[in-house]
C-alpha atoms as a PDB file:
ATOM      1  CA  UNK A   1       3.240   3.271  53.636  1.00  0.00           C
ATOM      2  CA  UNK A   2       1.731   7.104  53.415  1.00  0.00           C
ATOM      3  CA  UNK A   3       3.928  10.212  53.171  1.00  0.00           C
ATOM      4  CA  UNK A   4       6.424  11.682  51.471  1.00  0.00           C
ATOM      5  CA  UNK A   5       9.528  12.062  52.993  1.00  0.00           C
ATOM      6  CA  UNK A   6      11.271  10.305  55.332  1.00  0.00           C
ATOM      7  CA  UNK A   7      10.367  12.133  58.143  1.00  0.00           C
ATOM      8  CA  UNK A   8       6.469  11.636  57.511  1.00  0.00           C
ATOM      9  CA  UNK A   9       6.080   8.300  56.114  1.00  0.00           C
ATOM     10  CA  UNK A  10       3.649   6.081  58.461  1.00  0.00           C
ATOM     11  CA  UNK A  11       2.734   2.710  58.977  1.00  0.00           C
ATOM     12  CA  UNK A  12       1.345   0.188  60.913  1.00  0.00           C
ATOM     13  CA  UNK A  13       2.966  -2.943  61.837  1.00  0.00           C
ATOM     14  CA  UNK A  14       1.638  -4.935  59.082  1.00  0.00           C
ATOM     15  CA  UNK A  15       2.065  -2.414  56.850  1.00  0.00           C
ATOM     16  CA  UNK A  16       5.894  -2.688  57.880  1.00  0.00           C
ATOM     17  CA  UNK A  17       6.376  -5.935  57.169  1.00  0.00           C
ATOM     18  CA  UNK A  18       4.727  -6.169  54.180  1.00  0.00           C
ATOM     19  CA  UNK A  19       6.080  -3.468  52.372  1.00  0.00           C
ATOM     20  CA  UNK A  20       9.692  -4.665  53.371  1.00  0.00           C
ATOM     21  CA  UNK A  21       8.592  -8.494  52.077  1.00  0.00           C
ATOM     22  CA  UNK A  22       8.666 -10.511  55.199  1.00  0.00           C
ATOM     23  CA  UNK A  23       6.499 -12.441  56.462  1.00  0.00           C
ATOM     24  CA  UNK A  24       4.570 -12.991  60.150  1.00  0.00           C
ATOM     25  CA  UNK A  25       7.014 -16.642  59.781  1.00  0.00           C
ATOM     26  CA  UNK A  26       9.930 -15.340  59.537  1.00  0.00           C
ATOM     27  CA  UNK A  27       9.528 -12.831  62.238  1.00  0.00           C
ATOM     28  CA  UNK A  28       7.858 -15.107  64.198  1.00  0.00           C
ATOM     29  CA  UNK A  29      11.342 -17.029  63.672  1.00  0.00           C
ATOM     30  CA  UNK A  30      13.205 -14.487  64.327  1.00  0.00           C
ATOM     31  CA  UNK A  31      11.448 -13.659  68.135  1.00  0.00           C
ATOM     32  CA  UNK A  32      10.849 -17.431  69.002  1.00  0.00           C
ATOM     33  CA  UNK A  33       7.262 -17.876  68.850  1.00  0.00           C
ATOM     34  CA  UNK A  34       4.808 -18.677  65.917  1.00  0.00           C
ATOM     35  CA  UNK A  35       3.062 -17.022  63.473  1.00  0.00           C
ATOM     36  CA  UNK A  36       0.204 -16.348  65.577  1.00  0.00           C
ATOM     37  CA  UNK A  37       1.846 -14.496  67.891  1.00  0.00           C
ATOM     38  CA  UNK A  38       2.756 -12.512  65.161  1.00  0.00           C
ATOM     39  CA  UNK A  39      -0.292 -11.250  64.402  1.00  0.00           C
ATOM     40  CA  UNK A  40      -1.452 -10.946  67.928  1.00  0.00           C
ATOM     41  CA  UNK A  41       1.277  -7.821  68.204  1.00  0.00           C
ATOM     42  CA  UNK A  42       0.151  -6.552  64.672  1.00  0.00           C
ATOM     43  CA  UNK A  43      -2.810  -5.647  65.838  1.00  0.00           C
ATOM     44  CA  UNK A  44      -1.703  -4.649  69.404  1.00  0.00           C
ATOM     45  CA  UNK A  45      -1.985  -0.471  70.017  1.00  0.00           C
ATOM     46  CA  UNK A  46       0.124  -1.326  73.182  1.00  0.00           C
ATOM     47  CA  UNK A  47       4.162  -3.847  73.266  1.00  0.00           C
ATOM     48  CA  UNK A  48       6.809  -3.430  75.180  1.00  0.00           C
ATOM     49  CA  UNK A  49       9.794  -1.135  73.725  1.00  0.00           C
ATOM     50  CA  UNK A  50      12.038  -4.548  73.728  1.00  0.00           C
ATOM     51  CA  UNK A  51       9.533  -5.929  71.563  1.00  0.00           C
ATOM     52  CA  UNK A  52       8.794  -3.740  69.152  1.00  0.00           C
ATOM     53  CA  UNK A  53      13.140  -3.544  69.110  1.00  0.00           C
ATOM     54  CA  UNK A  54      13.324  -6.961  68.317  1.00  0.00           C
ATOM     55  CA  UNK A  55      10.253  -7.193  65.888  1.00  0.00           C
ATOM     56  CA  UNK A  56      12.357  -4.011  63.740  1.00  0.00           C
ATOM     57  CA  UNK A  57      15.552  -5.762  63.802  1.00  0.00           C
ATOM     58  CA  UNK A  58      13.805  -8.823  62.306  1.00  0.00           C
ATOM     59  CA  UNK A  59      12.840  -6.401  59.325  1.00  0.00           C
ATOM     60  CA  UNK A  60      16.133  -5.466  58.972  1.00  0.00           C
ATOM     61  CA  UNK A  61      15.915  -1.847  60.882  1.00  0.00           C
ATOM     62  CA  UNK A  62      16.985  -0.164  63.708  1.00  0.00           C
ATOM     63  CA  UNK A  63      13.934   0.984  66.161  1.00  0.00           C
ATOM     64  CA  UNK A  64      14.744   4.108  67.250  1.00  0.00           C
ATOM     65  CA  UNK A  65      12.590   6.675  69.805  1.00  0.00           C
ATOM     66  CA  UNK A  66      12.104  10.899  69.398  1.00  0.00           C
ATOM     67  CA  UNK A  67       9.966  12.848  70.900  1.00  0.00           C
ATOM     68  CA  UNK A  68       9.270  15.766  68.898  1.00  0.00           C
ATOM     69  CA  UNK A  69       8.169  19.222  70.005  1.00  0.00           C
ATOM     70  CA  UNK A  70       7.212  22.081  67.966  1.00  0.00           C
ATOM     71  CA  UNK A  71      10.377  23.940  68.285  1.00  0.00           C
ATOM     72  CA  UNK A  72      12.839  20.606  68.232  1.00  0.00           C
ATOM     73  CA  UNK A  73      13.772  17.144  67.586  1.00  0.00           C
ATOM     74  CA  UNK A  74      15.199  14.737  70.356  1.00  0.00           C
ATOM     75  CA  UNK A  75      16.114  11.255  69.795  1.00  0.00           C
ATOM     76  CA  UNK A  76      15.848   9.089  73.119  1.00  0.00           C
ATOM     77  CA  UNK A  77      18.675   7.029  73.918  1.00  0.00           C
ATOM     78  CA  UNK A  78      18.149   5.368  76.904  1.00  0.00           C
ATOM     79  CA  UNK A  79      16.364   2.115  75.229  1.00  0.00           C
ATOM     80  CA  UNK A  80      19.119   1.752  72.616  1.00  0.00           C
ATOM     81  CA  UNK A  81      20.940  -1.296  72.466  1.00  0.00           C
ATOM     82  CA  UNK A  82      24.600  -1.439  74.030  1.00  0.00           C
END
């Protein structure tokens, strides 16, 4: 991950997973799939929001989606879990 403050940090999924000390096998168990599928998922550039949310939960986090504009930032709540 790069960046100094929370808002500026960026990471690819595999980098994020490794920074949390979680293996692909553990993520696969959480998503009820296999390690090979997690490897492919981490290389994809287009995935379902629900899949991404499950992946983030497997790392112990919560997915939040924001729209960032020059003058404001808005959290999109349409995809939040009930």
